Amino acid sequence: MYRTRTWAEERPQLSTVSRVLILGGFVVGILLLIGCVPNQPATNQQTTTTNANTAVNTNTNTAPATAETSASRIPITLPVVDALMTDEGFVAELRRTVQPSDEQFDKLKNAARDAVLQLGENVTDDDARSTRTSQADADKRLKEILGNEGAEKFKALARKYWSGGEVAASVKPNEVPGDTRIVINAPAYRMDIFRDGQLVKSYKVGIGYPEFPLPVGVRTAKSIIFNPTWTPPDEPWVKGEFQPGKTVEAGSKKNPLGLIKIPIGLPSLIHGGKDPSRLGTFASHGCVGLTNPLVQDFAAQLATLSGTQLTQEQIKQYEQQRKETTEVNLARSIPVELRYETIVVEDGKLKVYRDVYEHGTNTEENLNRVLEAHGLSMASFSPEEQNKIREALQKMAVDPQGKPVDEEAANKDDKKPTSSRVTRNIKGAKEIVIDIPSLKGKGYPAPMNINA
């Protein structure tokens, strides 16, 4: 059986451990059990092992990035670099295209690892670190190590790998898929299931921390892994709570992956194990987090979408066999589209979400692009509605510190990080909803049975 290392085998939900251990989950990004596995036809084969990791083919790395605008917004942080540097395919392509010297390669690995280790030090909930400052730190270090040209080549390669892209992504704002796929919009903390273009189920989810942002692009779900195991790394944050290198068994309450994990390509997962309070917040390391009951429900929905024979009774049986890891290959692969849309038209409402990864998307220019896709413009609205919209854009275009985010600032290479710490929550409201009658019947559908 193939065995991969996945980055997002994450920290458990522990309410009484120290803050260092809580933040230590970030370091599990190092665990990236990511490997290049030969393509295999998807079947309804079920494989059972005892106390062992299982994995699936996540080799989407050679596919081109999705739309250029989306790919260019993918933040490359040093923790992301640390994850990518554990993948043999990425490293081989890095040596071929960027051609770093052995010294440069070692410096790059060390800088990325140091950045991850520093995330576990002196953390408080009141401290904040943003994606923008983490990205700026990475830009600075990459230029110091690889030079300007080498740094740009490295980031282009990293974005290609990070975006995935086995199938086409939506190119129109708020586009409703016409096929069967999963759509995840990170700023909305929302995951939707579409069957033949119809929304059938929605979930509120946890998303990646600022240093581990969810990528943008289309991945593929090919299997469901029940009762996954987890092996803690030999890192400082592990000591005291876990024994490095000693597998946390499937079914253990300390296993941060919960009852189910669904790989969706380098190096992300959809998985359980989250406390309900973590839904709608930063809660993972480049993954999509659900509670155990919700991930079981999602697994059943995914099986139905793919034509895989998997009943609720079987899912409950797997839960009872907690020490056995079982992989169920889907009869048909299902696309998983990862979006970053902070302005969404939704049947009589305009929703403006906080720019959680500071891409600089809450602008009037982007608003006009969204409205044009629905045959509207700002001139379509009353002066009162226009004022409400502009105010919403301004309020939602700030970083965790409350500082304005704009396109220039978000992409500025020489901006120095203001903190080495991480916040788990975003200050203030996460969305503003404006009722606009002229939007009735337009746009993306409202959530369907969300977390029901």
Protein backbone atom coordinates (compact mmCIF):
# COMPACT_ATOMS: atom_id res chain seq x y z
CA MET A 1 0.00 0.00 0.00
CA TYR A 2 1.26 3.44 -0.88
CA ARG A 3 2.15 5.69 2.04
CA THR A 4 2.25 9.47 1.67
CA ARG A 5 3.05 12.25 4.05
CA THR A 6 0.34 14.88 4.26
CA TRP A 7 1.08 18.34 5.53
CA ALA A 8 -2.18 18.84 7.30
CA GLU A 9 -2.09 16.12 9.91
CA GLU A 10 -2.85 18.66 12.52
CA ARG A 11 -3.00 19.51 16.17
CA PRO A 12 -5.76 18.08 18.34
CA GLN A 13 -8.49 20.17 19.92
CA LEU A 14 -7.16 20.50 23.47
CA SER A 15 -8.66 23.09 25.79
CA THR A 16 -6.31 22.67 28.74
CA VAL A 17 -2.87 22.42 27.21
CA SER A 18 -0.55 25.37 27.02
CA ARG A 19 -0.74 27.89 24.22
CA VAL A 20 2.53 26.64 22.85
CA LEU A 21 1.04 23.21 22.30
CA ILE A 22 -2.05 24.73 20.76
CA LEU A 23 0.05 26.67 18.30
CA GLY A 24 2.23 23.68 17.84
CA GLY A 25 -0.35 22.36 15.45
CA PHE A 26 1.09 24.74 12.92
CA VAL A 27 4.27 22.79 12.93
CA VAL A 28 2.42 19.75 11.81
CA GLY A 29 2.74 21.43 8.46
CA ILE A 30 6.19 19.89 8.52
CA LEU A 31 4.60 16.48 8.56
CA LEU A 32 3.67 16.63 4.99
CA LEU A 33 3.55 13.12 4.17
CA ILE A 34 3.36 14.14 0.48
CA GLY A 35 4.68 11.68 -2.10
CA CYS A 36 4.53 11.11 -5.84
CA VAL A 37 2.27 8.13 -6.30
CA PRO A 38 1.57 6.53 -9.69
CA ASN A 39 -1.87 7.20 -11.10
CA GLN A 40 -4.35 4.44 -10.41
CA PRO A 41 -7.85 3.92 -11.72
CA ALA A 42 -10.50 4.81 -9.16
CA THR A 43 -12.41 1.76 -8.00
CA ASN A 44 -14.65 0.93 -5.10
CA GLN A 45 -11.88 -1.15 -3.58
CA GLN A 46 -11.70 -1.07 0.22
CA THR A 47 -8.38 -1.74 1.91
CA THR A 48 -8.05 -2.28 5.65
CA THR A 49 -4.91 -2.08 7.76
CA THR A 50 -4.31 -1.97 11.48
CA ASN A 51 -2.57 1.08 13.01
CA ALA A 52 -1.09 2.23 9.72
CA ASN A 53 -1.26 5.35 7.59
CA THR A 54 -3.01 5.09 4.27
CA ALA A 55 -2.90 7.49 1.38
CA VAL A 56 -4.00 8.17 -2.14
CA ASN A 57 -2.60 9.61 -5.30
CA THR A 58 -2.26 13.36 -4.89
CA ASN A 59 0.05 13.90 -7.82
CA THR A 60 -1.51 16.97 -9.40
CA ASN A 61 1.72 18.90 -9.45
CA THR A 62 2.44 18.96 -13.15
CA ALA A 63 -0.90 20.51 -14.04
CA PRO A 64 -0.83 24.20 -14.96
CA ALA A 65 -2.21 26.79 -12.60
CA THR A 66 -5.80 27.92 -13.03
CA ALA A 67 -6.71 31.45 -14.13
CA GLU A 68 -3.66 33.71 -14.07
CA THR A 69 -5.31 36.25 -11.79
CA SER A 70 -6.13 33.58 -9.23
CA ALA A 71 -2.68 31.98 -9.38
CA SER A 72 -0.96 35.33 -8.97
CA ARG A 73 -2.85 35.89 -5.71
CA ILE A 74 -1.69 32.66 -4.09
CA PRO A 75 0.49 33.73 -1.14
CA ILE A 76 3.78 31.90 -0.79
CA THR A 77 4.88 31.97 2.85
CA LEU A 78 7.89 30.26 4.43
CA PRO A 79 5.69 27.62 6.12
CA VAL A 80 4.24 26.86 2.68
CA VAL A 81 7.80 26.63 1.33
CA ASP A 82 8.63 24.21 4.15
CA ALA A 83 5.72 22.02 3.07
CA LEU A 84 6.65 22.11 -0.61
CA MET A 85 10.29 21.31 0.07
CA THR A 86 9.32 17.89 1.42
CA ASP A 87 7.78 16.88 -1.92
CA GLU A 88 10.18 15.04 -4.21
CA GLY A 89 8.44 16.17 -7.38
CA PHE A 90 8.62 19.83 -6.38
CA VAL A 91 12.27 19.55 -5.37
CA ALA A 92 13.16 17.89 -8.68
CA GLU A 93 11.41 20.64 -10.65
CA LEU A 94 13.03 23.28 -8.43
CA ARG A 95 16.50 21.94 -9.19
CA ARG A 96 15.71 21.78 -12.91
CA THR A 97 14.13 25.23 -13.37
CA VAL A 98 15.53 27.47 -10.64
CA GLN A 99 18.87 25.59 -10.39
CA PRO A 100 19.90 26.63 -6.87
CA SER A 101 23.35 25.72 -5.65
CA ASP A 102 23.61 23.17 -2.86
CA GLU A 103 24.33 26.02 -0.46
CA GLN A 104 21.28 27.97 -1.62
CA PHE A 105 19.11 24.88 -1.37
CA ASP A 106 20.20 24.21 2.21
CA LYS A 107 19.67 27.85 3.19
CA LEU A 108 16.18 27.74 1.71
CA LYS A 109 15.23 24.61 3.63
CA ASN A 110 16.65 25.99 6.88
CA ALA A 111 14.88 29.34 6.51
CA ALA A 112 11.56 27.63 5.88
CA ARG A 113 11.97 25.24 8.81
CA ASP A 114 13.00 28.07 11.16
CA ALA A 115 9.88 30.03 10.22
CA VAL A 116 7.67 27.10 11.16
CA LEU A 117 9.44 26.50 14.47
CA GLN A 118 9.14 30.17 15.44
CA LEU A 119 5.35 29.95 15.18
CA GLY A 120 5.23 28.00 18.40
CA GLU A 121 6.93 30.62 20.57
CA ASN A 122 5.34 33.24 22.85
CA VAL A 123 1.85 33.06 21.39
CA THR A 124 -1.15 34.91 22.75
CA ASP A 125 -4.63 35.24 21.31
CA ASP A 126 -4.24 39.03 21.29
CA ASP A 127 -1.19 38.96 19.05
CA ALA A 128 -1.72 39.00 15.30
CA ARG A 129 0.26 38.00 12.26
CA SER A 130 -1.18 38.36 8.82
CA THR A 131 -0.74 36.50 5.56
CA ARG A 132 0.58 39.70 4.03
CA THR A 133 3.43 40.12 6.50
CA SER A 134 4.25 36.40 6.37
CA GLN A 135 4.38 36.63 2.58
CA ALA A 136 6.60 39.71 2.75
CA ASP A 137 8.98 37.86 5.04
CA ALA A 138 9.15 35.00 2.55
CA ASP A 139 9.77 37.41 -0.35
CA LYS A 140 12.65 38.99 1.52
CA ARG A 141 14.31 35.67 2.43
CA LEU A 142 13.84 34.21 -1.05
CA LYS A 143 15.56 37.23 -2.61
CA GLU A 144 18.39 37.06 -0.08
CA ILE A 145 18.98 33.40 -0.84
CA LEU A 146 18.14 33.08 -4.57
CA GLY A 147 18.46 36.64 -5.89
CA ASN A 148 15.62 38.58 -7.50
CA GLU A 149 15.32 36.44 -10.64
CA GLY A 150 15.66 33.17 -8.76
CA ALA A 151 13.10 34.25 -6.18
CA GLU A 152 10.53 35.08 -8.89
CA LYS A 153 11.11 31.71 -10.58
CA PHE A 154 10.74 29.95 -7.26
CA LYS A 155 7.44 31.70 -6.44
CA ALA A 156 6.04 30.96 -9.90
CA LEU A 157 6.88 27.27 -9.47
CA ALA A 158 5.50 27.21 -5.93
CA ARG A 159 2.22 28.79 -7.05
CA LYS A 160 1.86 26.25 -9.85
CA TYR A 161 2.21 23.38 -7.39
CA TRP A 162 0.09 25.05 -4.73
CA SER A 163 -2.79 25.82 -7.10
CA GLY A 164 -3.23 22.22 -8.33
CA GLY A 165 -5.51 22.39 -11.33
CA GLU A 166 -6.49 19.00 -12.78
CA VAL A 167 -9.75 20.41 -14.15
CA ALA A 168 -10.98 23.84 -15.13
CA ALA A 169 -11.83 26.37 -12.44
CA SER A 170 -14.64 28.89 -12.69
CA VAL A 171 -13.56 32.11 -14.37
CA LYS A 172 -16.63 34.27 -13.76
CA PRO A 173 -17.23 35.82 -10.33
CA ASN A 174 -19.71 33.87 -8.16
CA GLU A 175 -20.16 31.33 -10.96
CA VAL A 176 -22.59 28.51 -10.25
CA PRO A 177 -21.05 25.23 -11.47
CA GLY A 178 -22.92 23.44 -14.21
CA ASP A 179 -21.45 20.09 -13.25
CA THR A 180 -20.89 17.98 -10.13
CA ARG A 181 -18.21 19.36 -7.83
CA ILE A 182 -17.36 20.65 -4.37
CA VAL A 183 -16.91 24.44 -4.06
CA ILE A 184 -15.09 25.96 -1.07
CA ASN A 185 -14.94 29.73 -0.62
CA ALA A 186 -12.36 30.47 2.08
CA PRO A 187 -13.47 34.01 3.08
CA ALA A 188 -17.04 32.71 3.55
CA TYR A 189 -15.85 29.68 5.57
CA ARG A 190 -18.27 27.75 3.38
CA MET A 191 -18.19 24.46 1.47
CA ASP A 192 -20.94 23.52 -1.02
CA ILE A 193 -21.86 20.30 -2.79
CA PHE A 194 -23.19 20.69 -6.33
CA ARG A 195 -24.79 17.81 -8.24
CA ASP A 196 -25.33 18.46 -11.94
CA GLY A 197 -25.31 22.21 -11.31
CA GLN A 198 -27.73 22.10 -8.34
CA LEU A 199 -26.68 22.98 -4.80
CA VAL A 200 -27.60 20.07 -2.54
CA LYS A 201 -25.74 20.72 0.73
CA SER A 202 -23.62 23.38 2.46
CA TYR A 203 -21.18 23.23 5.37
CA LYS A 204 -19.60 25.85 7.62
CA VAL A 205 -15.89 24.96 7.83
CA GLY A 206 -12.61 25.95 9.43
CA ILE A 207 -9.91 27.24 7.07
CA GLY A 208 -6.11 27.55 7.02
CA TYR A 209 -4.31 29.90 9.37
CA PRO A 210 -2.72 33.06 7.89
CA GLU A 211 0.66 31.33 7.53
CA PHE A 212 -1.02 28.31 5.95
CA PRO A 213 -3.65 29.85 3.65
CA LEU A 214 -5.93 27.67 1.58
CA PRO A 215 -4.75 27.68 -2.02
CA VAL A 216 -6.85 28.73 -5.01
CA GLY A 217 -7.56 26.27 -7.79
CA VAL A 218 -9.21 22.95 -8.49
CA ARG A 219 -8.16 19.75 -6.73
CA THR A 220 -9.61 16.25 -6.90
CA ALA A 221 -11.05 13.96 -4.24
CA LYS A 222 -10.25 10.34 -5.05
CA SER A 223 -10.72 8.47 -1.81
CA ILE A 224 -12.06 8.56 1.75
CA ILE A 225 -9.81 7.36 4.56
CA PHE A 226 -11.52 6.23 7.73
CA ASN A 227 -9.72 6.24 11.09
CA PRO A 228 -6.45 7.78 9.85
CA THR A 229 -3.40 7.53 12.07
CA TRP A 230 -1.00 10.37 12.84
CA THR A 231 2.74 10.36 13.54
CA PRO A 232 4.06 13.39 15.50
CA PRO A 233 7.33 14.88 14.23
CA ASP A 234 10.50 15.22 16.25
CA GLU A 235 9.95 18.90 17.02
CA PRO A 236 10.09 20.92 20.27
CA TRP A 237 6.31 21.47 20.48
CA VAL A 238 5.65 17.72 20.47
CA LYS A 239 7.61 16.87 23.62
CA GLY A 240 5.48 16.46 26.72
CA GLU A 241 2.19 15.81 24.92
CA PHE A 242 3.25 13.28 22.30
CA GLN A 243 6.24 11.04 21.75
CA PRO A 244 7.93 12.04 18.48
CA GLY A 245 7.81 9.29 15.89
CA LYS A 246 5.30 7.21 17.87
CA THR A 247 2.10 6.83 15.91
CA VAL A 248 -1.08 8.22 17.44
CA GLU A 249 -3.47 5.39 16.74
CA ALA A 250 -6.57 5.60 14.66
CA GLY A 251 -9.48 6.42 16.91
CA SER A 252 -7.39 8.10 19.60
CA LYS A 253 -9.00 11.21 21.11
CA LYS A 254 -5.62 12.90 20.64
CA ASN A 255 -5.61 12.23 16.89
CA PRO A 256 -6.10 15.67 15.30
CA LEU A 257 -7.48 14.25 12.04
CA GLY A 258 -10.61 12.87 13.66
CA LEU A 259 -12.55 10.00 12.15
CA ILE A 260 -12.05 10.74 8.46
CA LYS A 261 -9.61 12.46 6.11
CA ILE A 262 -10.15 13.09 2.41
CA PRO A 263 -6.98 14.05 0.51
CA ILE A 264 -7.60 16.70 -2.15
CA GLY A 265 -4.11 17.13 -3.56
CA LEU A 266 -0.84 18.65 -2.42
CA PRO A 267 -0.96 18.98 0.49
CA SER A 268 -4.49 19.66 1.65
CA LEU A 269 -7.19 17.56 3.28
CA ILE A 270 -10.83 17.78 4.18
CA HIS A 271 -10.97 16.16 7.60
CA GLY A 272 -12.78 15.89 10.91
CA GLY A 273 -11.65 16.28 14.48
CA LYS A 274 -12.62 19.93 14.88
CA ASP A 275 -14.55 21.30 17.80
CA PRO A 276 -17.76 23.07 16.68
CA SER A 277 -16.29 26.36 17.96
CA ARG A 278 -13.53 26.14 15.33
CA LEU A 279 -15.96 26.23 12.39
CA GLY A 280 -16.03 29.66 10.78
CA THR A 281 -12.51 30.46 12.03
CA PHE A 282 -8.84 29.91 11.29
CA ALA A 283 -8.48 26.29 12.31
CA SER A 284 -6.12 24.34 10.06
CA HIS A 285 -2.84 24.19 8.17
CA GLY A 286 -3.94 24.58 4.58
CA CYS A 287 -6.92 22.28 5.10
CA VAL A 288 -10.69 22.32 5.39
CA GLY A 289 -11.84 21.34 8.89
CA LEU A 290 -15.13 19.81 10.01
CA THR A 291 -16.45 18.19 13.17
CA ASN A 292 -16.53 14.38 13.22
CA PRO A 293 -20.32 14.16 12.65
CA LEU A 294 -20.12 16.65 9.79
CA VAL A 295 -17.20 14.90 8.08
CA GLN A 296 -19.13 11.61 8.30
CA ASP A 297 -22.10 13.29 6.65
CA PHE A 298 -19.82 14.80 4.00
CA ALA A 299 -18.22 11.40 3.31
CA ALA A 300 -21.66 9.90 2.68
CA GLN A 301 -22.54 12.78 0.32
CA LEU A 302 -19.22 12.39 -1.51
CA ALA A 303 -19.79 8.67 -1.95
CA THR A 304 -23.23 9.34 -3.44
CA LEU A 305 -21.85 11.95 -5.84
CA SER A 306 -19.18 9.56 -7.09
CA GLY A 307 -21.43 6.51 -7.40
CA THR A 308 -19.51 4.69 -4.67
CA GLN A 309 -21.23 2.03 -2.60
CA LEU A 310 -20.91 3.39 0.93
CA THR A 311 -23.87 3.40 3.29
CA GLN A 312 -24.44 5.25 6.55
CA GLU A 313 -24.35 1.86 8.27
CA GLN A 314 -20.88 1.17 6.87
CA ILE A 315 -19.67 4.59 8.00
CA LYS A 316 -20.90 3.85 11.52
CA GLN A 317 -19.19 0.46 11.43
CA TYR A 318 -15.89 2.13 10.55
CA GLU A 319 -16.39 4.45 13.51
CA GLN A 320 -16.79 1.47 15.80
CA GLN A 321 -13.63 -0.16 14.41
CA ARG A 322 -11.54 2.77 15.57
CA LYS A 323 -8.16 1.02 15.47
CA GLU A 324 -8.49 -0.03 11.84
CA THR A 325 -7.57 2.39 9.06
CA THR A 326 -9.69 1.82 5.97
CA GLU A 327 -9.34 3.48 2.58
CA VAL A 328 -12.29 3.58 0.21
CA ASN A 329 -11.43 4.57 -3.34
CA LEU A 330 -14.16 6.58 -5.05
CA ALA A 331 -15.72 5.06 -8.14
CA ARG A 332 -15.37 8.46 -9.81
CA SER A 333 -13.11 11.34 -8.86
CA ILE A 334 -14.89 14.53 -7.74
CA PRO A 335 -13.46 18.01 -8.46
CA VAL A 336 -12.91 20.23 -5.41
CA GLU A 337 -12.76 23.92 -6.36
CA LEU A 338 -11.05 26.25 -3.91
CA ARG A 339 -12.14 29.87 -4.38
CA TYR A 340 -11.23 33.21 -2.85
CA GLU A 341 -14.24 35.48 -3.30
CA THR A 342 -14.84 38.28 -0.83
CA ILE A 343 -17.71 39.91 -2.78
CA VAL A 344 -20.66 37.63 -3.50
CA VAL A 345 -24.09 38.36 -4.99
CA GLU A 346 -26.54 35.97 -3.36
CA ASP A 347 -30.24 36.16 -4.27
CA GLY A 348 -31.29 39.62 -3.13
CA LYS A 349 -28.21 40.24 -1.02
CA LEU A 350 -24.71 41.54 -1.51
CA LYS A 351 -22.28 39.84 0.86
CA VAL A 352 -18.88 41.38 1.55
CA TYR A 353 -16.54 39.07 3.46
CA ARG A 354 -13.41 40.09 5.30
CA ASP A 355 -10.29 39.79 3.14
CA VAL A 356 -8.91 37.07 5.44
CA TYR A 357 -5.71 36.41 3.47
CA GLU A 358 -5.29 40.06 2.47
CA HIS A 359 -5.42 39.62 -1.30
CA GLY A 360 -6.68 43.17 -1.76
CA THR A 361 -10.01 42.04 -3.26
CA ASN A 362 -12.46 44.37 -1.48
CA THR A 363 -12.16 47.22 -3.96
CA GLU A 364 -14.67 49.04 -6.14
CA GLU A 365 -12.86 47.69 -9.19
CA ASN A 366 -13.46 44.11 -8.05
CA LEU A 367 -17.02 45.00 -7.02
CA ASN A 368 -17.72 46.31 -10.54
CA ARG A 369 -16.33 43.11 -12.02
CA VAL A 370 -18.70 41.05 -9.84
CA LEU A 371 -21.69 43.24 -10.64
CA GLU A 372 -20.97 43.18 -14.39
CA ALA A 373 -21.04 39.38 -14.29
CA HIS A 374 -24.65 39.69 -13.13
CA GLY A 375 -25.61 42.41 -15.61
CA LEU A 376 -25.47 45.24 -13.06
CA SER A 377 -23.33 48.21 -12.06
CA MET A 378 -23.13 50.62 -9.14
CA ALA A 379 -25.41 52.93 -11.12
CA SER A 380 -28.12 50.26 -10.76
CA PHE A 381 -28.39 51.03 -7.04
CA SER A 382 -29.82 53.92 -5.07
CA PRO A 383 -27.44 56.47 -3.48
CA GLU A 384 -28.23 54.94 -0.06
CA GLU A 385 -27.37 51.44 -1.32
CA GLN A 386 -24.15 52.72 -2.90
CA ASN A 387 -23.07 54.31 0.37
CA LYS A 388 -23.75 51.09 2.28
CA ILE A 389 -21.74 49.08 -0.26
CA ARG A 390 -18.73 51.41 -0.16
CA GLU A 391 -18.80 51.42 3.63
CA ALA A 392 -18.91 47.60 3.66
CA LEU A 393 -15.93 47.38 1.30
CA GLN A 394 -13.91 49.69 3.53
CA LYS A 395 -14.76 47.82 6.73
CA MET A 396 -13.96 44.41 5.26
CA ALA A 397 -10.68 45.50 3.63
CA VAL A 398 -8.57 45.38 6.79
CA ASP A 399 -6.02 42.96 8.21
CA PRO A 400 -6.23 41.28 11.66
CA GLN A 401 -4.66 44.40 13.17
CA GLY A 402 -7.37 46.60 11.66
CA LYS A 403 -4.99 48.14 9.11
CA PRO A 404 -6.22 48.77 5.54
CA VAL A 405 -5.44 46.15 2.92
CA ASP A 406 -4.97 47.15 -0.70
CA GLU A 407 -3.57 45.52 -3.81
CA GLU A 408 -0.30 47.48 -3.68
CA ALA A 409 0.30 46.75 -0.01
CA ALA A 410 -0.65 43.11 -0.39
CA ASN A 411 1.99 42.56 -3.06
CA LYS A 412 4.72 44.86 -1.78
CA ASP A 413 7.96 42.90 -1.37
CA ASP A 414 9.80 45.18 1.04
CA LYS A 415 7.07 45.47 3.68
CA LYS A 416 8.53 44.23 6.95
CA PRO A 417 6.55 41.86 9.15
CA THR A 418 5.18 43.56 12.24
CA SER A 419 4.93 40.41 14.35
CA SER A 420 6.19 36.86 14.57
CA ARG A 421 3.03 35.67 16.24
CA VAL A 422 -0.26 34.23 15.07
CA THR A 423 -3.88 35.03 15.74
CA ARG A 424 -6.51 32.31 15.67
CA ASN A 425 -9.42 34.69 15.15
CA ILE A 426 -10.06 37.81 13.13
CA LYS A 427 -11.00 40.96 15.02
CA GLY A 428 -14.40 42.38 14.20
CA ALA A 429 -17.15 41.17 11.89
CA LYS A 430 -16.38 38.55 9.25
CA GLU A 431 -19.05 39.65 6.79
CA ILE A 432 -21.48 42.44 6.02
CA VAL A 433 -24.77 41.60 4.33
CA ILE A 434 -26.69 44.27 2.42
CA ASP A 435 -30.25 43.60 1.25
CA ILE A 436 -30.71 44.89 -2.30
CA PRO A 437 -34.06 44.11 -3.99
CA SER A 438 -32.64 44.44 -7.52
CA LEU A 439 -30.37 41.46 -6.82
CA LYS A 440 -33.32 39.14 -6.22
CA GLY A 441 -32.89 35.91 -8.18
CA LYS A 442 -29.33 36.75 -9.17
CA GLY A 443 -25.98 35.32 -8.20
CA TYR A 444 -24.75 32.38 -6.17
CA PRO A 445 -27.30 30.31 -4.23
CA ALA A 446 -27.88 30.77 -0.52
CA PRO A 447 -26.57 27.98 1.76
CA MET A 448 -28.54 24.73 1.64
CA ASN A 449 -29.07 22.84 4.93
CA ILE A 450 -25.84 24.30 6.26
CA ASN A 451 -24.35 22.11 9.03
CA ALA A 452 -27.69 20.38 9.43
